[in-house]
Amino acid sequence: MRVLFLTAAIVIADQVTKLLVRGIQIPALGIAWEGMPYGMSRPLIGDFMRLTYIENPGMAFGIGTGGTPYFAIFSLIASVALIAYLYHIRTAPFSFRLALAAVLGGAVGNLVDRVFYGVIFGYAPLFRGRVVDFFDMDFFDFTVFGYHMSRFAIFNIADASVTVGIILLLYLQYVESRAAASPPPPVPPADPS
């Protein structure tokens, strides 16, 4: 289960970056990091990539309503199921387990926000926290069903990890299905001598 080291690294990187953006105060440990004001943007790579601090009460891309514990409970159940599944397939190809570990790391990273941030930062009870998002990337302009988009939805390391893990899973499935569909190479005739 070495792939869980990737999961742990993703969760740690995700939480550290969220706390650097949001800020945190732990007087007993002498920690006082101010973070960014809510809604503020700072350029990272010009206007193409910015740090923009927002909090998402719903699911990915702001879908759903906030303030309910359902997203946190669903994330918790999905995370436990992924851990059990990773244990069950511990002899499966490493790339497949790695992709699932990335998805798990992202799920747990956002789960921490949903379960604990409301209590830690004093704005909501357990399981009703909001997910901290901050990566703000430029995107080509397009309109779909009357909705205009000129920048990509603001996201975090956990979101990126889930996306990369799912893309890798789809790619691995594609490669496997292509290999299964291709005819086997011809067998050379036996040497008569």
N, C-alpha and C. Protein backbone atom coordinates (compact mmCIF):
# COMPACT_ATOMS: atom_id res chain seq x y z
N MET A 1 0.83 -1.21 0.00
CA MET A 1 0.00 0.00 0.00
C MET A 1 0.87 1.26 0.00
N ARG A 2 2.01 1.16 -0.68
CA ARG A 2 2.90 2.32 -0.78
C ARG A 2 2.24 3.51 -1.47
N VAL A 3 1.23 3.25 -2.28
CA VAL A 3 0.57 4.35 -2.99
C VAL A 3 -0.11 5.31 -2.02
N LEU A 4 -0.36 4.87 -0.79
CA LEU A 4 -0.97 5.76 0.20
C LEU A 4 -0.02 6.87 0.64
N PHE A 5 1.29 6.70 0.36
CA PHE A 5 2.22 7.81 0.60
C PHE A 5 1.89 8.98 -0.33
N LEU A 6 1.49 8.67 -1.56
CA LEU A 6 1.05 9.73 -2.48
C LEU A 6 -0.20 10.40 -1.92
N THR A 7 -1.14 9.61 -1.44
CA THR A 7 -2.37 10.16 -0.86
C THR A 7 -2.02 11.11 0.29
N ALA A 8 -1.15 10.67 1.19
CA ALA A 8 -0.76 11.51 2.33
C ALA A 8 -0.06 12.78 1.87
N ALA A 9 0.81 12.68 0.88
CA ALA A 9 1.52 13.87 0.37
C ALA A 9 0.54 14.87 -0.23
N ILE A 10 -0.47 14.38 -0.95
CA ILE A 10 -1.47 15.27 -1.54
C ILE A 10 -2.27 15.97 -0.45
N VAL A 11 -2.69 15.22 0.56
CA VAL A 11 -3.48 15.82 1.65
C VAL A 11 -2.66 16.88 2.37
N ILE A 12 -1.39 16.59 2.66
CA ILE A 12 -0.54 17.56 3.36
C ILE A 12 -0.33 18.80 2.51
N ALA A 13 0.03 18.62 1.24
CA ALA A 13 0.25 19.78 0.36
C ALA A 13 -1.03 20.60 0.22
N ASP A 14 -2.15 19.92 0.09
CA ASP A 14 -3.44 20.61 -0.05
C ASP A 14 -3.75 21.43 1.19
N GLN A 15 -3.61 20.83 2.37
CA GLN A 15 -3.95 21.55 3.60
C GLN A 15 -2.97 22.69 3.90
N VAL A 16 -1.69 22.48 3.64
CA VAL A 16 -0.72 23.55 3.88
C VAL A 16 -1.01 24.74 2.98
N THR A 17 -1.27 24.50 1.70
CA THR A 17 -1.54 25.62 0.78
C THR A 17 -2.85 26.31 1.14
N LYS A 18 -3.85 25.56 1.55
CA LYS A 18 -5.13 26.18 1.95
C LYS A 18 -4.94 27.07 3.18
N LEU A 19 -4.18 26.60 4.15
CA LEU A 19 -3.95 27.40 5.35
C LEU A 19 -3.08 28.62 5.07
N LEU A 20 -2.15 28.49 4.12
CA LEU A 20 -1.35 29.67 3.74
C LEU A 20 -2.22 30.72 3.07
N VAL A 21 -3.18 30.29 2.28
CA VAL A 21 -4.07 31.24 1.60
C VAL A 21 -5.10 31.80 2.58
N ARG A 22 -5.72 30.93 3.37
CA ARG A 22 -6.80 31.35 4.27
C ARG A 22 -6.26 32.04 5.51
N GLY A 23 -5.13 31.55 6.01
CA GLY A 23 -4.57 32.05 7.27
C GLY A 23 -5.04 31.19 8.42
N ILE A 24 -4.28 31.19 9.49
CA ILE A 24 -4.64 30.42 10.68
C ILE A 24 -3.98 31.04 11.90
N GLN A 25 -4.66 30.93 13.02
CA GLN A 25 -4.13 31.43 14.29
C GLN A 25 -4.21 30.32 15.33
N ILE A 26 -3.07 29.94 15.88
CA ILE A 26 -3.02 28.97 16.99
C ILE A 26 -2.14 29.60 18.07
N PRO A 27 -2.75 30.41 18.94
CA PRO A 27 -1.97 31.13 19.95
C PRO A 27 -1.15 30.21 20.85
N ALA A 28 -1.67 29.05 21.20
CA ALA A 28 -0.94 28.14 22.09
C ALA A 28 0.39 27.69 21.50
N LEU A 29 0.45 27.64 20.16
CA LEU A 29 1.70 27.25 19.48
C LEU A 29 2.46 28.45 18.94
N GLY A 30 1.92 29.63 19.16
CA GLY A 30 2.58 30.84 18.67
C GLY A 30 2.48 31.00 17.16
N ILE A 31 1.46 30.38 16.55
CA ILE A 31 1.27 30.47 15.10
C ILE A 31 0.23 31.53 14.80
N ALA A 32 0.62 32.48 13.95
CA ALA A 32 -0.30 33.53 13.52
C ALA A 32 0.04 33.88 12.08
N TRP A 33 -0.71 33.30 11.16
CA TRP A 33 -0.52 33.58 9.74
C TRP A 33 -1.77 34.27 9.23
N GLU A 34 -1.61 35.47 8.70
CA GLU A 34 -2.74 36.29 8.31
C GLU A 34 -3.49 35.77 7.08
N GLY A 35 -2.78 35.24 6.11
CA GLY A 35 -3.44 34.77 4.89
C GLY A 35 -3.90 35.93 4.02
N MET A 36 -4.76 35.62 3.06
CA MET A 36 -5.27 36.62 2.12
C MET A 36 -6.68 37.05 2.53
N PRO A 37 -7.05 38.28 2.26
CA PRO A 37 -8.45 38.68 2.46
C PRO A 37 -9.35 37.92 1.48
N TYR A 38 -10.54 37.59 1.93
CA TYR A 38 -11.48 36.83 1.11
C TYR A 38 -11.76 37.58 -0.20
N GLY A 39 -11.68 36.86 -1.32
CA GLY A 39 -11.97 37.44 -2.63
C GLY A 39 -10.78 38.14 -3.28
N MET A 40 -9.68 38.30 -2.56
CA MET A 40 -8.52 39.00 -3.11
C MET A 40 -7.78 38.11 -4.11
N SER A 41 -7.21 38.75 -5.15
CA SER A 41 -6.41 38.04 -6.16
C SER A 41 -5.00 38.59 -6.18
N ARG A 42 -4.05 37.68 -6.39
CA ARG A 42 -2.65 38.06 -6.59
C ARG A 42 -2.14 37.32 -7.81
N PRO A 43 -1.45 38.01 -8.72
CA PRO A 43 -0.95 37.32 -9.92
C PRO A 43 0.20 36.37 -9.57
N LEU A 44 0.16 35.18 -10.18
CA LEU A 44 1.27 34.23 -10.08
C LEU A 44 2.06 34.23 -11.38
N ILE A 45 1.34 34.05 -12.48
CA ILE A 45 1.93 34.11 -13.82
C ILE A 45 1.10 35.13 -14.59
N GLY A 46 1.38 36.40 -14.34
CA GLY A 46 0.60 37.47 -14.96
C GLY A 46 -0.87 37.29 -14.65
N ASP A 47 -1.72 37.53 -15.66
CA ASP A 47 -3.15 37.36 -15.49
C ASP A 47 -3.57 35.93 -15.83
N PHE A 48 -2.64 35.13 -16.40
CA PHE A 48 -2.98 33.76 -16.78
C PHE A 48 -3.30 32.91 -15.55
N MET A 49 -2.47 33.00 -14.49
CA MET A 49 -2.73 32.25 -13.27
C MET A 49 -2.59 33.17 -12.08
N ARG A 50 -3.65 33.18 -11.27
CA ARG A 50 -3.67 34.04 -10.09
C ARG A 50 -4.03 33.21 -8.87
N LEU A 51 -3.67 33.72 -7.70
CA LEU A 51 -4.20 33.20 -6.45
C LEU A 51 -5.41 34.06 -6.11
N THR A 52 -6.56 33.43 -6.00
CA THR A 52 -7.79 34.13 -5.64
C THR A 52 -8.46 33.33 -4.54
N TYR A 53 -8.57 33.90 -3.36
CA TYR A 53 -9.12 33.18 -2.22
C TYR A 53 -10.64 33.25 -2.20
N ILE A 54 -11.26 32.08 -2.34
CA ILE A 54 -12.70 31.95 -2.17
C ILE A 54 -12.97 30.68 -1.36
N GLU A 55 -14.19 30.52 -0.91
CA GLU A 55 -14.61 29.30 -0.22
C GLU A 55 -15.84 28.76 -0.92
N ASN A 56 -15.86 27.45 -1.12
CA ASN A 56 -16.92 26.79 -1.85
C ASN A 56 -17.78 25.97 -0.88
N PRO A 57 -19.04 26.34 -0.70
CA PRO A 57 -19.89 25.58 0.22
C PRO A 57 -20.51 24.34 -0.43
N GLY A 58 -20.42 24.22 -1.75
CA GLY A 58 -21.04 23.10 -2.45
C GLY A 58 -20.01 22.08 -2.88
N MET A 59 -20.30 21.45 -4.02
CA MET A 59 -19.39 20.45 -4.57
C MET A 59 -18.41 21.16 -5.50
N ALA A 60 -17.80 20.40 -6.37
CA ALA A 60 -16.84 20.95 -7.33
C ALA A 60 -17.50 22.02 -8.19
N PHE A 61 -16.77 23.05 -8.49
CA PHE A 61 -17.21 24.15 -9.34
C PHE A 61 -18.43 24.87 -8.78
N GLY A 62 -18.64 24.79 -7.47
CA GLY A 62 -19.74 25.51 -6.84
C GLY A 62 -21.10 24.88 -7.07
N ILE A 63 -21.14 23.64 -7.55
CA ILE A 63 -22.41 22.97 -7.80
C ILE A 63 -23.03 22.57 -6.47
N GLY A 64 -24.30 22.78 -6.32
CA GLY A 64 -25.00 22.37 -5.10
C GLY A 64 -25.04 23.50 -4.09
N THR A 65 -25.89 23.29 -3.10
CA THR A 65 -26.04 24.30 -2.06
C THR A 65 -25.14 23.95 -0.89
N GLY A 66 -24.75 24.95 -0.18
CA GLY A 66 -23.87 24.74 0.95
C GLY A 66 -24.64 24.63 2.25
N GLY A 67 -23.90 24.42 3.32
CA GLY A 67 -24.49 24.40 4.64
C GLY A 67 -25.10 23.07 5.03
N THR A 68 -25.03 22.08 4.17
CA THR A 68 -25.57 20.76 4.51
C THR A 68 -24.40 19.79 4.70
N PRO A 69 -24.57 18.79 5.54
CA PRO A 69 -23.49 17.84 5.78
C PRO A 69 -23.39 16.74 4.72
N TYR A 70 -24.29 16.73 3.73
CA TYR A 70 -24.34 15.62 2.78
C TYR A 70 -23.06 15.45 1.97
N PHE A 71 -22.45 16.54 1.53
CA PHE A 71 -21.21 16.43 0.75
C PHE A 71 -20.09 15.84 1.60
N ALA A 72 -20.02 16.25 2.86
CA ALA A 72 -18.99 15.72 3.75
C ALA A 72 -19.22 14.24 4.03
N ILE A 73 -20.46 13.86 4.28
CA ILE A 73 -20.77 12.45 4.56
C ILE A 73 -20.49 11.60 3.32
N PHE A 74 -20.89 12.09 2.14
CA PHE A 74 -20.62 11.37 0.91
C PHE A 74 -19.11 11.22 0.69
N SER A 75 -18.35 12.30 0.92
CA SER A 75 -16.89 12.25 0.76
C SER A 75 -16.26 11.27 1.74
N LEU A 76 -16.77 11.23 2.95
CA LEU A 76 -16.25 10.31 3.95
C LEU A 76 -16.50 8.86 3.53
N ILE A 77 -17.71 8.56 3.08
CA ILE A 77 -18.05 7.20 2.64
C ILE A 77 -17.21 6.82 1.42
N ALA A 78 -17.08 7.74 0.47
CA ALA A 78 -16.29 7.47 -0.74
C ALA A 78 -14.82 7.24 -0.39
N SER A 79 -14.29 8.00 0.55
CA SER A 79 -12.88 7.84 0.95
C SER A 79 -12.64 6.49 1.62
N VAL A 80 -13.54 6.09 2.50
CA VAL A 80 -13.41 4.78 3.16
C VAL A 80 -13.52 3.67 2.11
N ALA A 81 -14.45 3.82 1.17
CA ALA A 81 -14.60 2.81 0.12
C ALA A 81 -13.35 2.74 -0.75
N LEU A 82 -12.73 3.88 -1.07
CA LEU A 82 -11.51 3.88 -1.87
C LEU A 82 -10.35 3.21 -1.13
N ILE A 83 -10.24 3.45 0.16
CA ILE A 83 -9.19 2.80 0.94
C ILE A 83 -9.39 1.28 0.94
N ALA A 84 -10.63 0.85 1.16
CA ALA A 84 -10.93 -0.59 1.15
C ALA A 84 -10.64 -1.18 -0.23
N TYR A 85 -11.01 -0.45 -1.28
CA TYR A 85 -10.78 -0.95 -2.64
C TYR A 85 -9.29 -1.02 -2.95
N LEU A 86 -8.54 -0.02 -2.53
CA LEU A 86 -7.08 -0.05 -2.74
C LEU A 86 -6.46 -1.25 -2.03
N TYR A 87 -6.96 -1.57 -0.86
CA TYR A 87 -6.45 -2.75 -0.16
C TYR A 87 -6.82 -4.02 -0.94
N HIS A 88 -8.05 -4.06 -1.42
CA HIS A 88 -8.52 -5.23 -2.16
C HIS A 88 -7.71 -5.47 -3.45
N ILE A 89 -7.28 -4.40 -4.11
CA ILE A 89 -6.54 -4.52 -5.39
C ILE A 89 -5.05 -4.27 -5.21
N ARG A 90 -4.53 -4.56 -4.04
CA ARG A 90 -3.13 -4.24 -3.74
C ARG A 90 -2.13 -4.90 -4.67
N THR A 91 -2.54 -5.91 -5.44
CA THR A 91 -1.64 -6.54 -6.41
C THR A 91 -1.92 -6.08 -7.84
N ALA A 92 -2.83 -5.15 -8.01
CA ALA A 92 -3.14 -4.62 -9.35
C ALA A 92 -1.96 -3.79 -9.86
N PRO A 93 -1.95 -3.47 -11.16
CA PRO A 93 -0.86 -2.65 -11.69
C PRO A 93 -0.67 -1.34 -10.90
N PHE A 94 0.58 -0.97 -10.71
CA PHE A 94 0.92 0.20 -9.91
C PHE A 94 0.26 1.47 -10.45
N SER A 95 0.24 1.63 -11.77
CA SER A 95 -0.33 2.86 -12.36
C SER A 95 -1.81 3.01 -12.00
N PHE A 96 -2.55 1.91 -11.96
CA PHE A 96 -3.97 1.94 -11.61
C PHE A 96 -4.13 2.34 -10.14
N ARG A 97 -3.33 1.74 -9.27
CA ARG A 97 -3.40 2.07 -7.84
C ARG A 97 -2.95 3.50 -7.59
N LEU A 98 -1.97 3.97 -8.36
CA LEU A 98 -1.49 5.35 -8.22
C LEU A 98 -2.60 6.34 -8.58
N ALA A 99 -3.32 6.07 -9.65
CA ALA A 99 -4.42 6.95 -10.06
C ALA A 99 -5.49 7.00 -8.97
N LEU A 100 -5.83 5.84 -8.42
CA LEU A 100 -6.83 5.81 -7.34
C LEU A 100 -6.33 6.52 -6.09
N ALA A 101 -5.03 6.41 -5.80
CA ALA A 101 -4.46 7.11 -4.65
C ALA A 101 -4.54 8.62 -4.82
N ALA A 102 -4.38 9.10 -6.06
CA ALA A 102 -4.51 10.54 -6.33
C ALA A 102 -5.95 11.00 -6.11
N VAL A 103 -6.90 10.21 -6.57
CA VAL A 103 -8.32 10.54 -6.35
C VAL A 103 -8.61 10.56 -4.85
N LEU A 104 -8.11 9.55 -4.13
CA LEU A 104 -8.32 9.48 -2.68
C LEU A 104 -7.70 10.69 -1.97
N GLY A 105 -6.49 11.08 -2.36
CA GLY A 105 -5.84 12.24 -1.74
C GLY A 105 -6.66 13.50 -1.91
N GLY A 106 -7.20 13.69 -3.10
CA GLY A 106 -8.05 14.86 -3.34
C GLY A 106 -9.33 14.81 -2.54
N ALA A 107 -9.94 13.63 -2.48
CA ALA A 107 -11.19 13.48 -1.73
C ALA A 107 -10.97 13.77 -0.25
N VAL A 108 -9.88 13.24 0.31
CA VAL A 108 -9.60 13.45 1.73
C VAL A 108 -9.22 14.92 1.99
N GLY A 109 -8.46 15.52 1.07
CA GLY A 109 -8.09 16.93 1.24
C GLY A 109 -9.31 17.83 1.38
N ASN A 110 -10.29 17.65 0.50
CA ASN A 110 -11.51 18.47 0.59
C ASN A 110 -12.41 18.03 1.73
N LEU A 111 -12.33 16.75 2.10
CA LEU A 111 -13.11 16.25 3.23
C LEU A 111 -12.70 16.94 4.52
N VAL A 112 -11.42 17.16 4.70
CA VAL A 112 -10.93 17.85 5.90
C VAL A 112 -11.58 19.22 6.02
N ASP A 113 -11.65 19.95 4.91
CA ASP A 113 -12.29 21.27 4.92
C ASP A 113 -13.76 21.16 5.32
N ARG A 114 -14.47 20.24 4.65
CA ARG A 114 -15.91 20.12 4.89
C ARG A 114 -16.24 19.68 6.31
N VAL A 115 -15.42 18.81 6.87
CA VAL A 115 -15.71 18.28 8.20
C VAL A 115 -15.24 19.25 9.29
N PHE A 116 -14.03 19.78 9.19
CA PHE A 116 -13.42 20.47 10.31
C PHE A 116 -13.31 22.00 10.19
N TYR A 117 -13.26 22.56 8.99
CA TYR A 117 -12.98 24.00 8.88
C TYR A 117 -14.04 24.87 9.53
N GLY A 118 -15.30 24.48 9.48
CA GLY A 118 -16.34 25.27 10.12
C GLY A 118 -16.10 25.41 11.62
N VAL A 119 -15.67 24.31 12.26
CA VAL A 119 -15.38 24.33 13.70
C VAL A 119 -14.07 25.06 13.98
N ILE A 120 -13.02 24.73 13.20
CA ILE A 120 -11.70 25.33 13.43
C ILE A 120 -11.76 26.85 13.30
N PHE A 121 -12.47 27.33 12.28
CA PHE A 121 -12.51 28.77 12.03
C PHE A 121 -13.76 29.44 12.59
N GLY A 122 -14.59 28.68 13.29
CA GLY A 122 -15.69 29.25 14.06
C GLY A 122 -16.85 29.79 13.26
N TYR A 123 -17.17 29.21 12.12
CA TYR A 123 -18.32 29.72 11.37
C TYR A 123 -19.42 28.68 11.15
N ALA A 124 -19.18 27.41 11.51
CA ALA A 124 -20.20 26.38 11.29
C ALA A 124 -19.90 25.17 12.17
N PRO A 125 -20.92 24.33 12.40
CA PRO A 125 -20.67 23.10 13.18
C PRO A 125 -19.92 22.06 12.34
N LEU A 126 -19.54 20.97 12.98
CA LEU A 126 -18.87 19.85 12.33
C LEU A 126 -19.65 19.39 11.10
N PHE A 127 -18.95 19.05 10.04
CA PHE A 127 -19.51 18.55 8.78
C PHE A 127 -20.20 19.63 7.95
N ARG A 128 -20.04 20.88 8.29
CA ARG A 128 -20.69 21.96 7.52
C ARG A 128 -19.70 23.03 7.05
N GLY A 129 -18.43 22.65 6.96
CA GLY A 129 -17.41 23.60 6.53
C GLY A 129 -17.43 23.85 5.03
N ARG A 130 -16.68 24.85 4.62
CA ARG A 130 -16.55 25.21 3.21
C ARG A 130 -15.14 24.88 2.73
N VAL A 131 -15.02 24.49 1.47
CA VAL A 131 -13.74 24.13 0.87
C VAL A 131 -13.03 25.40 0.40
N VAL A 132 -11.77 25.54 0.77
CA VAL A 132 -10.95 26.69 0.34
C VAL A 132 -10.42 26.42 -1.06
N ASP A 133 -10.69 27.35 -1.98
CA ASP A 133 -10.18 27.28 -3.36
C ASP A 133 -9.35 28.52 -3.62
N PHE A 134 -8.33 28.39 -4.51
CA PHE A 134 -7.46 29.54 -4.71
C PHE A 134 -6.77 29.60 -6.07
N PHE A 135 -6.63 28.51 -6.82
CA PHE A 135 -6.00 28.60 -8.13
C PHE A 135 -7.01 29.14 -9.12
N ASP A 136 -6.67 30.23 -9.78
CA ASP A 136 -7.57 30.94 -10.68
C ASP A 136 -6.86 31.07 -12.03
N MET A 137 -7.31 30.29 -13.03
CA MET A 137 -6.61 30.26 -14.32
C MET A 137 -7.45 30.85 -15.44
N ASP A 138 -6.75 31.51 -16.36
CA ASP A 138 -7.40 32.06 -17.54
C ASP A 138 -7.88 30.91 -18.42
N PHE A 139 -8.90 31.16 -19.19
CA PHE A 139 -9.52 30.13 -20.00
C PHE A 139 -10.02 30.81 -21.26
N PHE A 140 -10.15 30.08 -22.34
CA PHE A 140 -10.68 30.72 -23.55
C PHE A 140 -12.15 31.04 -23.34
N ASP A 141 -12.59 32.16 -23.93
CA ASP A 141 -13.98 32.59 -23.77
C ASP A 141 -14.92 31.68 -24.54
N PHE A 142 -16.01 31.26 -23.89
CA PHE A 142 -17.06 30.53 -24.58
C PHE A 142 -18.37 30.69 -23.82
N THR A 143 -19.46 30.41 -24.52
CA THR A 143 -20.79 30.52 -23.94
C THR A 143 -21.53 29.21 -24.17
N VAL A 144 -22.11 28.67 -23.11
CA VAL A 144 -22.90 27.44 -23.20
C VAL A 144 -24.21 27.67 -22.46
N PHE A 145 -25.32 27.45 -23.14
CA PHE A 145 -26.65 27.61 -22.55
C PHE A 145 -26.81 28.96 -21.86
N GLY A 146 -26.27 30.00 -22.47
CA GLY A 146 -26.40 31.35 -21.95
C GLY A 146 -25.41 31.69 -20.83
N TYR A 147 -24.58 30.74 -20.44
CA TYR A 147 -23.59 30.98 -19.39
C TYR A 147 -22.26 31.26 -20.05
N HIS A 148 -21.68 32.45 -19.79
CA HIS A 148 -20.41 32.85 -20.39
C HIS A 148 -19.27 32.55 -19.41
N MET A 149 -18.21 31.96 -19.94
CA MET A 149 -17.04 31.64 -19.11
C MET A 149 -15.79 32.18 -19.77
N SER A 150 -15.02 32.96 -19.01
CA SER A 150 -13.76 33.49 -19.54
C SER A 150 -12.57 33.04 -18.69
N ARG A 151 -12.85 32.51 -17.50
CA ARG A 151 -11.80 31.97 -16.65
C ARG A 151 -12.28 30.60 -16.16
N PHE A 152 -11.33 29.72 -15.88
CA PHE A 152 -11.66 28.40 -15.38
C PHE A 152 -12.17 28.54 -13.94
N ALA A 153 -12.96 27.59 -13.48
CA ALA A 153 -13.44 27.62 -12.09
C ALA A 153 -12.25 27.58 -11.14
N ILE A 154 -12.33 28.33 -10.06
CA ILE A 154 -11.25 28.39 -9.08
C ILE A 154 -11.18 27.05 -8.35
N PHE A 155 -9.96 26.52 -8.19
CA PHE A 155 -9.80 25.18 -7.65
C PHE A 155 -8.62 25.13 -6.68
N ASN A 156 -8.35 23.94 -6.13
CA ASN A 156 -7.25 23.77 -5.19
C ASN A 156 -6.47 22.50 -5.56
N ILE A 157 -5.47 22.15 -4.77
CA ILE A 157 -4.65 20.97 -5.05
C ILE A 157 -5.49 19.69 -5.00
N ALA A 158 -6.41 19.61 -4.07
CA ALA A 158 -7.26 18.41 -3.97
C ALA A 158 -8.09 18.24 -5.24
N ASP A 159 -8.68 19.32 -5.73
CA ASP A 159 -9.47 19.25 -6.97
C ASP A 159 -8.61 18.79 -8.14
N ALA A 160 -7.41 19.37 -8.24
CA ALA A 160 -6.49 19.01 -9.33
C ALA A 160 -6.09 17.54 -9.22
N SER A 161 -5.88 17.06 -8.00
CA SER A 161 -5.50 15.67 -7.80
C SER A 161 -6.60 14.71 -8.23
N VAL A 162 -7.84 15.01 -7.89
CA VAL A 162 -8.97 14.18 -8.32
C VAL A 162 -9.06 14.17 -9.84
N THR A 163 -8.93 15.34 -10.45
CA THR A 163 -9.02 15.44 -11.91
C THR A 163 -7.92 14.65 -12.59
N VAL A 164 -6.68 14.81 -12.14
CA VAL A 164 -5.55 14.08 -12.73
C VAL A 164 -5.73 12.57 -12.53
N GLY A 165 -6.17 12.16 -11.34
CA GLY A 165 -6.40 10.74 -11.08
C GLY A 165 -7.46 10.15 -11.99
N ILE A 166 -8.55 10.87 -12.19
CA ILE A 166 -9.62 10.37 -13.06
C ILE A 166 -9.17 10.32 -14.51
N ILE A 167 -8.44 11.34 -14.96
CA ILE A 167 -7.92 11.33 -16.34
C ILE A 167 -6.97 10.15 -16.53
N LEU A 168 -6.12 9.89 -15.56
CA LEU A 168 -5.21 8.75 -15.64
C LEU A 168 -5.98 7.43 -15.67
N LEU A 169 -7.02 7.31 -14.84
CA LEU A 169 -7.86 6.09 -14.87
C LEU A 169 -8.51 5.89 -16.23
N LEU A 170 -9.03 6.97 -16.82
CA LEU A 170 -9.65 6.87 -18.15
C LEU A 170 -8.62 6.48 -19.20
N TYR A 171 -7.43 7.07 -19.11
CA TYR A 171 -6.37 6.72 -20.06
C TYR A 171 -5.98 5.25 -19.92
N LEU A 172 -5.81 4.78 -18.70
CA LEU A 172 -5.44 3.38 -18.48
C LEU A 172 -6.53 2.44 -18.99
N GLN A 173 -7.78 2.82 -18.81
CA GLN A 173 -8.89 2.02 -19.32
C GLN A 173 -8.86 1.99 -20.84
N TYR A 174 -8.58 3.14 -21.45
CA TYR A 174 -8.50 3.23 -22.91
C TYR A 174 -7.38 2.32 -23.43
N VAL A 175 -6.20 2.39 -22.82
CA VAL A 175 -5.06 1.56 -23.25
C VAL A 175 -5.40 0.09 -23.10
N GLU A 176 -6.02 -0.27 -21.98
CA GLU A 176 -6.38 -1.67 -21.76
C GLU A 176 -7.42 -2.16 -22.77
N SER A 177 -8.41 -1.32 -23.07
CA SER A 177 -9.44 -1.74 -24.03
C SER A 177 -8.86 -1.85 -25.44
N ARG A 178 -7.93 -1.00 -25.79
CA ARG A 178 -7.27 -1.08 -27.11
C ARG A 178 -6.45 -2.36 -27.21
N ALA A 179 -5.74 -2.69 -26.13
CA ALA A 179 -4.92 -3.91 -26.14
C ALA A 179 -5.81 -5.15 -26.24
N ALA A 180 -6.95 -5.13 -25.59
CA ALA A 180 -7.86 -6.28 -25.63
C ALA A 180 -8.53 -6.41 -27.00
N ALA A 181 -8.74 -5.28 -27.68
CA ALA A 181 -9.43 -5.30 -28.97
C ALA A 181 -8.50 -5.62 -30.14
N SER A 182 -7.21 -5.41 -29.98
CA SER A 182 -6.30 -5.67 -31.09
C SER A 182 -6.06 -7.17 -31.24
N PRO A 183 -5.99 -7.64 -32.48
CA PRO A 183 -5.78 -9.08 -32.69
C PRO A 183 -4.37 -9.48 -32.26
N PRO A 184 -4.22 -10.71 -31.81
CA PRO A 184 -2.88 -11.14 -31.40
C PRO A 184 -1.97 -11.22 -32.62
N PRO A 185 -0.67 -11.05 -32.42
CA PRO A 185 0.25 -11.12 -33.56
C PRO A 185 0.23 -12.52 -34.15
N PRO A 186 0.46 -12.62 -35.46
CA PRO A 186 0.45 -13.95 -36.08
C PRO A 186 1.58 -14.82 -35.54
N VAL A 187 1.28 -16.09 -35.44
CA VAL A 187 2.27 -17.04 -34.95
C VAL A 187 3.05 -17.54 -36.17
N PRO A 188 4.37 -17.44 -36.12
CA PRO A 188 5.15 -17.90 -37.28
C PRO A 188 5.02 -19.43 -37.41
N PRO A 189 5.06 -19.92 -38.63
CA PRO A 189 4.95 -21.37 -38.81
C PRO A 189 6.13 -22.09 -38.15
N ALA A 190 5.87 -23.31 -37.73
CA ALA A 190 6.91 -24.09 -37.06
C ALA A 190 7.99 -24.47 -38.08
N ASP A 191 9.20 -24.49 -37.62
CA ASP A 191 10.32 -24.84 -38.49
C ASP A 191 10.31 -26.36 -38.72
N PRO A 192 10.19 -26.80 -39.99
CA PRO A 192 10.07 -28.23 -40.25
C PRO A 192 11.34 -29.03 -39.96
N SER A 193 12.46 -28.41 -39.79
CA SER A 193 13.70 -29.19 -39.58
C SER A 193 13.91 -29.55 -38.18
